[in-house]
């Protein structure tokens, strides 16, 4: 439910909430440590397919999805997500977590303080969007997030209107989630010690339970996003990013 609200309201895929909750839940269920985190990340990406679908419908109806940006951004997002899923088993992600967490906090400070980007900065061309999408997709797949933590601040940094940044980020979560989920299914297909009802690194009971409620509440969140002032949206997003940044920096 919370993941769905975040997806619609702030353009987040919900992985910010889902991954920590699933890790804690899987520990209580005594899942093997060697597959626990991978299951949490893979299952999170799978649920983001559902949360993105629900929120994108609402944002598209409001004309808030910049498809002209997304068509190039999505190429990089898919490629990056596939690469990220493929290296997740081997990547020593501690340094990347610290860098990503620091970046998230810096962006949060900028958004909360109302610091304005360069008035002449604009959305880059097709190659720039593809490259940016690749980096966002890779990080999103590795950490099991929908990409909103990076896509929204990136687009606002490019002077995209906040509501459009949120709507476009919601739509961007779909290609990230599909590609990332596919990668985690393939990577975990023959993995040992998987619990029953696992589909690669996707735990089906978790996916179904979260997806059903998230689809409903992501549409509720999307409706609120278009009733809230842009400054309020930015401050809400900044608070979320601070928590994300701290968790990435101090988390093991």
C-alpha atoms as a PDB file:
ATOM      1  CA  UNK A   1       0.000   0.000   0.000  1.00  0.00           C
ATOM      2  CA  UNK A   2       2.726   2.478   1.028  1.00  0.00           C
ATOM      3  CA  UNK A   3       4.804   1.493  -1.997  1.00  0.00           C
ATOM      4  CA  UNK A   4       1.861   2.199  -4.279  1.00  0.00           C
ATOM      5  CA  UNK A   5       1.234   5.623  -2.785  1.00  0.00           C
ATOM      6  CA  UNK A   6       4.893   6.556  -3.224  1.00  0.00           C
ATOM      7  CA  UNK A   7       4.823   5.351  -6.817  1.00  0.00           C
ATOM      8  CA  UNK A   8       1.900   7.541  -7.768  1.00  0.00           C
ATOM      9  CA  UNK A   9       2.581  10.568  -5.608  1.00  0.00           C
ATOM     10  CA  UNK A  10       6.317  11.004  -6.099  1.00  0.00           C
ATOM     11  CA  UNK A  11       7.186   8.913  -9.122  1.00  0.00           C
ATOM     12  CA  UNK A  12       9.000   6.349  -7.003  1.00  0.00           C
ATOM     13  CA  UNK A  13       8.859   2.722  -7.974  1.00  0.00           C
ATOM     14  CA  UNK A  14       8.289   1.705  -4.369  1.00  0.00           C
ATOM     15  CA  UNK A  15      11.528  -0.260  -4.071  1.00  0.00           C
ATOM     16  CA  UNK A  16      12.729   2.228  -1.485  1.00  0.00           C
ATOM     17  CA  UNK A  17      10.109   0.759   0.845  1.00  0.00           C
ATOM     18  CA  UNK A  18       9.808  -2.751  -0.552  1.00  0.00           C
ATOM     19  CA  UNK A  19      13.441  -3.917  -0.440  1.00  0.00           C
ATOM     20  CA  UNK A  20      14.076  -3.217   3.282  1.00  0.00           C
ATOM     21  CA  UNK A  21      10.678  -4.656   4.232  1.00  0.00           C
ATOM     22  CA  UNK A  22      11.274  -7.827   2.215  1.00  0.00           C
ATOM     23  CA  UNK A  23      14.760  -8.291   3.650  1.00  0.00           C
ATOM     24  CA  UNK A  24      13.333  -8.085   7.175  1.00  0.00           C
ATOM     25  CA  UNK A  25      10.407 -10.370   6.290  1.00  0.00           C
ATOM     26  CA  UNK A  26      12.602 -12.973   4.601  1.00  0.00           C
ATOM     27  CA  UNK A  27      14.863 -13.033   7.657  1.00  0.00           C
ATOM     28  CA  UNK A  28      11.838 -13.778   9.833  1.00  0.00           C
ATOM     29  CA  UNK A  29      10.926 -16.584   7.424  1.00  0.00           C
ATOM     30  CA  UNK A  30      14.489 -17.914   7.803  1.00  0.00           C
ATOM     31  CA  UNK A  31      15.313 -17.778   4.123  1.00  0.00           C
ATOM     32  CA  UNK A  32      18.962 -18.716   3.413  1.00  0.00           C
ATOM     33  CA  UNK A  33      21.281 -15.714   3.765  1.00  0.00           C
ATOM     34  CA  UNK A  34      23.005 -16.417   0.442  1.00  0.00           C
ATOM     35  CA  UNK A  35      19.805 -15.778  -1.555  1.00  0.00           C
ATOM     36  CA  UNK A  36      17.815 -13.544   0.801  1.00  0.00           C
ATOM     37  CA  UNK A  37      18.941 -10.164  -0.528  1.00  0.00           C
ATOM     38  CA  UNK A  38      18.763 -11.231  -4.158  1.00  0.00           C
ATOM     39  CA  UNK A  39      15.187 -12.420  -3.605  1.00  0.00           C
ATOM     40  CA  UNK A  40      14.287  -9.081  -2.009  1.00  0.00           C
ATOM     41  CA  UNK A  41      15.736  -7.083  -4.909  1.00  0.00           C
ATOM     42  CA  UNK A  42      14.275  -9.325  -7.624  1.00  0.00           C
ATOM     43  CA  UNK A  43      10.841  -9.431  -6.001  1.00  0.00           C
ATOM     44  CA  UNK A  44      10.919  -5.655  -5.537  1.00  0.00           C
ATOM     45  CA  UNK A  45      11.629  -5.096  -9.222  1.00  0.00           C
ATOM     46  CA  UNK A  46       8.758  -7.421 -10.143  1.00  0.00           C
ATOM     47  CA  UNK A  47       6.282  -5.493  -7.973  1.00  0.00           C
ATOM     48  CA  UNK A  48       7.409  -2.224  -9.558  1.00  0.00           C
ATOM     49  CA  UNK A  49       5.909  -3.452 -12.832  1.00  0.00           C
ATOM     50  CA  UNK A  50       2.519  -3.321 -11.111  1.00  0.00           C
ATOM     51  CA  UNK A  51       3.025  -0.014  -9.280  1.00  0.00           C
ATOM     52  CA  UNK A  52       4.308   1.675 -12.431  1.00  0.00           C
ATOM     53  CA  UNK A  53       1.320   0.506 -14.470  1.00  0.00           C
ATOM     54  CA  UNK A  54      -1.192   1.903 -11.992  1.00  0.00           C
ATOM     55  CA  UNK A  55       0.444   5.310 -11.640  1.00  0.00           C
ATOM     56  CA  UNK A  56       1.333   5.740 -15.326  1.00  0.00           C
ATOM     57  CA  UNK A  57      -2.350   5.455 -16.276  1.00  0.00           C
ATOM     58  CA  UNK A  58      -3.191   8.412 -14.055  1.00  0.00           C
ATOM     59  CA  UNK A  59      -0.195  10.552 -15.032  1.00  0.00           C
ATOM     60  CA  UNK A  60      -0.746   9.917 -18.750  1.00  0.00           C
ATOM     61  CA  UNK A  61      -4.396  10.925 -18.419  1.00  0.00           C
ATOM     62  CA  UNK A  62      -3.196  14.235 -16.936  1.00  0.00           C
ATOM     63  CA  UNK A  63      -0.698  14.750 -19.772  1.00  0.00           C
ATOM     64  CA  UNK A  64       2.206  14.567 -17.318  1.00  0.00           C
ATOM     65  CA  UNK A  65       4.348  11.944 -19.079  1.00  0.00           C
ATOM     66  CA  UNK A  66       7.015  13.423 -21.361  1.00  0.00           C
ATOM     67  CA  UNK A  67       7.080  10.647 -23.942  1.00  0.00           C
ATOM     68  CA  UNK A  68       9.505  12.668 -26.071  1.00  0.00           C
ATOM     69  CA  UNK A  69      12.052  12.303 -23.255  1.00  0.00           C
ATOM     70  CA  UNK A  70      11.126   8.785 -22.233  1.00  0.00           C
ATOM     71  CA  UNK A  71      11.522   7.203 -25.678  1.00  0.00           C
ATOM     72  CA  UNK A  72      15.289   7.845 -25.560  1.00  0.00           C
ATOM     73  CA  UNK A  73      15.706   7.534 -21.798  1.00  0.00           C
ATOM     74  CA  UNK A  74      14.058   4.095 -21.899  1.00  0.00           C
ATOM     75  CA  UNK A  75      16.717   2.697 -24.258  1.00  0.00           C
ATOM     76  CA  UNK A  76      19.397   3.385 -21.670  1.00  0.00           C
ATOM     77  CA  UNK A  77      17.162   2.294 -18.793  1.00  0.00           C
ATOM     78  CA  UNK A  78      16.587  -1.157 -20.303  1.00  0.00           C
ATOM     79  CA  UNK A  79      20.239  -1.693 -21.214  1.00  0.00           C
ATOM     80  CA  UNK A  80      21.428  -0.482 -17.816  1.00  0.00           C
ATOM     81  CA  UNK A  81      18.895  -2.596 -15.926  1.00  0.00           C
ATOM     82  CA  UNK A  82      19.927  -5.748 -17.797  1.00  0.00           C
ATOM     83  CA  UNK A  83      23.593  -5.078 -17.080  1.00  0.00           C
ATOM     84  CA  UNK A  84      22.844  -4.245 -13.445  1.00  0.00           C
ATOM     85  CA  UNK A  85      20.900  -7.453 -12.919  1.00  0.00           C
ATOM     86  CA  UNK A  86      23.627  -9.463 -14.602  1.00  0.00           C
ATOM     87  CA  UNK A  87      26.394  -8.175 -12.337  1.00  0.00           C
ATOM     88  CA  UNK A  88      24.364  -8.072  -9.113  1.00  0.00           C
ATOM     89  CA  UNK A  89      25.756 -11.437  -8.005  1.00  0.00           C
ATOM     90  CA  UNK A  90      29.337 -10.206  -8.302  1.00  0.00           C
ATOM     91  CA  UNK A  91      29.304  -6.463  -7.664  1.00  0.00           C
ATOM     92  CA  UNK A  92      30.892  -5.165  -4.487  1.00  0.00           C
ATOM     93  CA  UNK A  93      28.314  -2.461  -4.105  1.00  0.00           C
ATOM     94  CA  UNK A  94      29.471  -0.738  -0.906  1.00  0.00           C
ATOM     95  CA  UNK A  95      31.329   2.119  -2.614  1.00  0.00           C
ATOM     96  CA  UNK A  96      28.495   2.583  -5.101  1.00  0.00           C
ATOM     97  CA  UNK A  97      25.980   2.664  -2.238  1.00  0.00           C
ATOM     98  CA  UNK A  98      27.927   5.427  -0.478  1.00  0.00           C
ATOM     99  CA  UNK A  99      28.232   7.483  -3.668  1.00  0.00           C
ATOM    100  CA  UNK A 100      24.566   6.998  -4.513  1.00  0.00           C
ATOM    101  CA  UNK A 101      23.510   7.855  -0.956  1.00  0.00           C
ATOM    102  CA  UNK A 102      25.626  11.008  -0.949  1.00  0.00           C
ATOM    103  CA  UNK A 103      24.152  12.041  -4.283  1.00  0.00           C
ATOM    104  CA  UNK A 104      20.617  11.470  -3.018  1.00  0.00           C
ATOM    105  CA  UNK A 105      21.203  13.674   0.036  1.00  0.00           C
ATOM    106  CA  UNK A 106      22.765  16.452  -2.062  1.00  0.00           C
ATOM    107  CA  UNK A 107      19.788  16.413  -4.411  1.00  0.00           C
ATOM    108  CA  UNK A 108      17.427  16.432  -1.414  1.00  0.00           C
ATOM    109  CA  UNK A 109      19.137  19.538  -0.012  1.00  0.00           C
ATOM    110  CA  UNK A 110      18.861  21.279  -3.369  1.00  0.00           C
ATOM    111  CA  UNK A 111      15.177  20.446  -3.718  1.00  0.00           C
ATOM    112  CA  UNK A 112      14.230  21.279  -0.120  1.00  0.00           C
ATOM    113  CA  UNK A 113      16.152  24.564  -0.184  1.00  0.00           C
ATOM    114  CA  UNK A 114      14.509  25.564  -3.429  1.00  0.00           C
ATOM    115  CA  UNK A 115      17.844  25.997  -5.205  1.00  0.00           C
ATOM    116  CA  UNK A 116      17.189  26.553  -8.884  1.00  0.00           C
ATOM    117  CA  UNK A 117      19.097  24.828 -11.672  1.00  0.00           C
ATOM    118  CA  UNK A 118      20.745  26.912 -14.361  1.00  0.00           C
ATOM    119  CA  UNK A 119      17.904  28.645 -16.182  1.00  0.00           C
ATOM    120  CA  UNK A 120      19.525  27.833 -19.522  1.00  0.00           C
ATOM    121  CA  UNK A 121      19.990  24.122 -18.785  1.00  0.00           C
ATOM    122  CA  UNK A 122      17.772  21.919 -20.899  1.00  0.00           C
ATOM    123  CA  UNK A 123      17.095  18.239 -21.475  1.00  0.00           C
ATOM    124  CA  UNK A 124      20.065  16.742 -23.357  1.00  0.00           C
ATOM    125  CA  UNK A 125      19.801  15.200 -26.808  1.00  0.00           C
ATOM    126  CA  UNK A 126      19.070  11.576 -27.584  1.00  0.00           C
ATOM    127  CA  UNK A 127      22.603  10.314 -26.839  1.00  0.00           C
ATOM    128  CA  UNK A 128      22.696  12.172 -23.516  1.00  0.00           C
ATOM    129  CA  UNK A 129      19.335  10.749 -22.479  1.00  0.00           C
ATOM    130  CA  UNK A 130      20.388   7.214 -23.441  1.00  0.00           C
ATOM    131  CA  UNK A 131      23.630   7.531 -21.456  1.00  0.00           C
ATOM    132  CA  UNK A 132      21.841   8.978 -18.423  1.00  0.00           C
ATOM    133  CA  UNK A 133      19.207   6.257 -18.643  1.00  0.00           C
ATOM    134  CA  UNK A 134      21.925   3.607 -18.701  1.00  0.00           C
ATOM    135  CA  UNK A 135      23.415   4.816 -15.418  1.00  0.00           C
ATOM    136  CA  UNK A 136      20.000   5.152 -13.778  1.00  0.00           C
ATOM    137  CA  UNK A 137      18.907   1.718 -15.002  1.00  0.00           C
ATOM    138  CA  UNK A 138      22.083   0.019 -13.790  1.00  0.00           C
ATOM    139  CA  UNK A 139      21.868   1.497 -10.287  1.00  0.00           C
ATOM    140  CA  UNK A 140      18.136   0.807 -10.110  1.00  0.00           C
ATOM    141  CA  UNK A 141      18.529  -2.874 -10.977  1.00  0.00           C
ATOM    142  CA  UNK A 142      21.392  -3.401  -8.540  1.00  0.00           C
ATOM    143  CA  UNK A 143      19.456  -1.872  -5.639  1.00  0.00           C
ATOM    144  CA  UNK A 144      15.948  -2.996  -6.635  1.00  0.00           C
ATOM    145  CA  UNK A 145      14.441   0.481  -6.966  1.00  0.00           C
ATOM    146  CA  UNK A 146      12.263   1.829  -9.746  1.00  0.00           C
ATOM    147  CA  UNK A 147      14.595   4.668 -10.663  1.00  0.00           C
ATOM    148  CA  UNK A 148      12.482   7.551  -9.355  1.00  0.00           C
ATOM    149  CA  UNK A 149      15.142   8.335  -6.754  1.00  0.00           C
ATOM    150  CA  UNK A 150      17.396   9.344  -9.637  1.00  0.00           C
ATOM    151  CA  UNK A 151      15.027  10.056 -12.530  1.00  0.00           C
ATOM    152  CA  UNK A 152      12.983  12.757 -10.771  1.00  0.00           C
ATOM    153  CA  UNK A 153      15.955  14.851  -9.566  1.00  0.00           C
ATOM    154  CA  UNK A 154      17.720  14.351 -12.904  1.00  0.00           C
ATOM    155  CA  UNK A 155      14.742  15.678 -14.846  1.00  0.00           C
ATOM    156  CA  UNK A 156      14.140  18.598 -12.480  1.00  0.00           C
ATOM    157  CA  UNK A 157      17.867  19.411 -12.783  1.00  0.00           C
ATOM    158  CA  UNK A 158      17.156  19.667 -16.531  1.00  0.00           C
ATOM    159  CA  UNK A 159      14.360  22.165 -15.788  1.00  0.00           C
ATOM    160  CA  UNK A 160      11.530  19.724 -16.441  1.00  0.00           C
ATOM    161  CA  UNK A 161       8.362  20.741 -14.565  1.00  0.00           C
ATOM    162  CA  UNK A 162       8.030  18.789 -11.307  1.00  0.00           C
ATOM    163  CA  UNK A 163       4.692  17.174 -12.157  1.00  0.00           C
ATOM    164  CA  UNK A 164       6.102  16.128 -15.538  1.00  0.00           C
ATOM    165  CA  UNK A 165       9.245  14.785 -13.860  1.00  0.00           C
ATOM    166  CA  UNK A 166       7.124  12.675 -11.502  1.00  0.00           C
ATOM    167  CA  UNK A 167       4.880  11.425 -14.313  1.00  0.00           C
ATOM    168  CA  UNK A 168       7.798  10.602 -16.606  1.00  0.00           C
ATOM    169  CA  UNK A 169       9.643   8.877 -13.768  1.00  0.00           C
ATOM    170  CA  UNK A 170       6.600   6.702 -13.103  1.00  0.00           C
ATOM    171  CA  UNK A 171       6.580   5.634 -16.741  1.00  0.00           C
ATOM    172  CA  UNK A 172      10.348   5.074 -16.667  1.00  0.00           C
ATOM    173  CA  UNK A 173       9.905   2.582 -13.842  1.00  0.00           C
ATOM    174  CA  UNK A 174       8.215   0.127 -16.203  1.00  0.00           C
ATOM    175  CA  UNK A 175      11.162  -0.620 -18.547  1.00  0.00           C
ATOM    176  CA  UNK A 176      13.552  -0.705 -15.585  1.00  0.00           C
ATOM    177  CA  UNK A 177      11.342  -3.171 -13.739  1.00  0.00           C
ATOM    178  CA  UNK A 178      10.688  -5.437 -16.717  1.00  0.00           C
ATOM    179  CA  UNK A 179      14.341  -5.637 -17.760  1.00  0.00           C
ATOM    180  CA  UNK A 180      15.598  -5.945 -14.185  1.00  0.00           C
ATOM    181  CA  UNK A 181      13.071  -8.624 -13.283  1.00  0.00           C
ATOM    182  CA  UNK A 182      13.971 -10.626 -16.379  1.00  0.00           C
ATOM    183  CA  UNK A 183      17.630 -10.388 -15.438  1.00  0.00           C
ATOM    184  CA  UNK A 184      17.026 -11.567 -11.872  1.00  0.00           C
ATOM    185  CA  UNK A 185      14.820 -14.448 -13.039  1.00  0.00           C
ATOM    186  CA  UNK A 186      17.550 -15.641 -15.409  1.00  0.00           C
ATOM    187  CA  UNK A 187      20.361 -15.085 -12.885  1.00  0.00           C
ATOM    188  CA  UNK A 188      18.539 -17.045 -10.186  1.00  0.00           C
ATOM    189  CA  UNK A 189      17.051 -19.767 -12.360  1.00  0.00           C
ATOM    190  CA  UNK A 190      19.443 -22.495 -11.185  1.00  0.00           C
ATOM    191  CA  UNK A 191      20.462 -20.893  -7.899  1.00  0.00           C
ATOM    192  CA  UNK A 192      20.640 -23.308  -4.948  1.00  0.00           C
ATOM    193  CA  UNK A 193      18.736 -22.881  -1.666  1.00  0.00           C
ATOM    194  CA  UNK A 194      15.782 -21.002  -3.179  1.00  0.00           C
ATOM    195  CA  UNK A 195      12.554 -21.302  -1.162  1.00  0.00           C
ATOM    196  CA  UNK A 196       9.462 -22.906  -2.632  1.00  0.00           C
ATOM    197  CA  UNK A 197       7.407 -20.740  -5.028  1.00  0.00           C
ATOM    198  CA  UNK A 198      10.474 -18.861  -6.243  1.00  0.00           C
ATOM    199  CA  UNK A 199      10.762 -17.971  -9.923  1.00  0.00           C
ATOM    200  CA  UNK A 200      14.465 -17.333 -10.209  1.00  0.00           C
ATOM    201  CA  UNK A 201      15.165 -14.530  -7.750  1.00  0.00           C
ATOM    202  CA  UNK A 202      11.473 -13.527  -7.623  1.00  0.00           C
ATOM    203  CA  UNK A 203       9.456 -14.850  -4.670  1.00  0.00           C
ATOM    204  CA  UNK A 204       5.950 -15.170  -6.109  1.00  0.00           C
ATOM    205  CA  UNK A 205       3.886 -14.848  -2.864  1.00  0.00           C
ATOM    206  CA  UNK A 206       5.608 -11.542  -2.060  1.00  0.00           C
ATOM    207  CA  UNK A 207       5.168 -10.291  -5.617  1.00  0.00           C
ATOM    208  CA  UNK A 208       1.453 -11.093  -5.751  1.00  0.00           C
ATOM    209  CA  UNK A 209       0.647  -9.732  -2.288  1.00  0.00           C
ATOM    210  CA  UNK A 210       2.404  -6.409  -2.835  1.00  0.00           C
ATOM    211  CA  UNK A 211       1.341  -5.984  -6.459  1.00  0.00           C
ATOM    212  CA  UNK A 212      -2.394  -6.289  -5.822  1.00  0.00           C
ATOM    213  CA  UNK A 213      -2.531  -3.519  -3.209  1.00  0.00           C
ATOM    214  CA  UNK A 214       0.062  -1.349  -4.950  1.00  0.00           C
ATOM    215  CA  UNK A 215      -1.887  -1.088  -8.211  1.00  0.00           C
ATOM    216  CA  UNK A 216      -4.832   0.438  -6.350  1.00  0.00           C
ATOM    217  CA  UNK A 217      -2.902   2.863  -4.173  1.00  0.00           C
ATOM    218  CA  UNK A 218      -0.494   3.999  -6.901  1.00  0.00           C
ATOM    219  CA  UNK A 219      -3.485   5.483  -8.751  1.00  0.00           C
ATOM    220  CA  UNK A 220      -4.598   7.234  -5.555  1.00  0.00           C
ATOM    221  CA  UNK A 221      -1.114   8.699  -5.158  1.00  0.00           C
ATOM    222  CA  UNK A 222      -1.060   9.873  -8.771  1.00  0.00           C
ATOM    223  CA  UNK A 223      -4.312  11.795  -8.266  1.00  0.00           C
ATOM    224  CA  UNK A 224      -2.863  13.591  -5.233  1.00  0.00           C
ATOM    225  CA  UNK A 225       0.288  14.465  -7.189  1.00  0.00           C
ATOM    226  CA  UNK A 226      -1.723  16.685  -9.520  1.00  0.00           C
ATOM    227  CA  UNK A 227      -3.487  18.456  -6.642  1.00  0.00           C
ATOM    228  CA  UNK A 228      -0.344  19.316  -4.687  1.00  0.00           C
ATOM    229  CA  UNK A 229       1.800  22.398  -5.433  1.00  0.00           C
ATOM    230  CA  UNK A 230       5.179  21.686  -7.035  1.00  0.00           C
ATOM    231  CA  UNK A 231       7.055  23.021  -3.986  1.00  0.00           C
ATOM    232  CA  UNK A 232       5.180  20.636  -1.696  1.00  0.00           C
ATOM    233  CA  UNK A 233       5.972  17.721  -3.995  1.00  0.00           C
ATOM    234  CA  UNK A 234       9.649  18.672  -3.992  1.00  0.00           C
ATOM    235  CA  UNK A 235       9.807  18.847  -0.195  1.00  0.00           C
ATOM    236  CA  UNK A 236       8.064  15.478   0.162  1.00  0.00           C
ATOM    237  CA  UNK A 237      10.469  13.959  -2.308  1.00  0.00           C
ATOM    238  CA  UNK A 238      13.438  15.544  -0.518  1.00  0.00           C
ATOM    239  CA  UNK A 239      12.445  13.922   2.786  1.00  0.00           C
ATOM    240  CA  UNK A 240      12.244  10.516   1.089  1.00  0.00           C
ATOM    241  CA  UNK A 241      15.643  11.036  -0.544  1.00  0.00           C
ATOM    242  CA  UNK A 242      17.283  11.889   2.783  1.00  0.00           C
ATOM    243  CA  UNK A 243      16.110   8.603   4.285  1.00  0.00           C
ATOM    244  CA  UNK A 244      17.218   6.754   1.153  1.00  0.00           C
ATOM    245  CA  UNK A 245      20.631   8.414   1.235  1.00  0.00           C
ATOM    246  CA  UNK A 246      21.229   7.669   4.909  1.00  0.00           C
ATOM    247  CA  UNK A 247      20.160   4.056   4.457  1.00  0.00           C
ATOM    248  CA  UNK A 248      22.500   3.613   1.498  1.00  0.00           C
ATOM    249  CA  UNK A 249      25.435   5.178   3.341  1.00  0.00           C
ATOM    250  CA  UNK A 250      25.086   3.435   6.713  1.00  0.00           C
ATOM    251  CA  UNK A 251      23.469   0.208   5.514  1.00  0.00           C
ATOM    252  CA  UNK A 252      25.618  -2.875   5.289  1.00  0.00           C
END
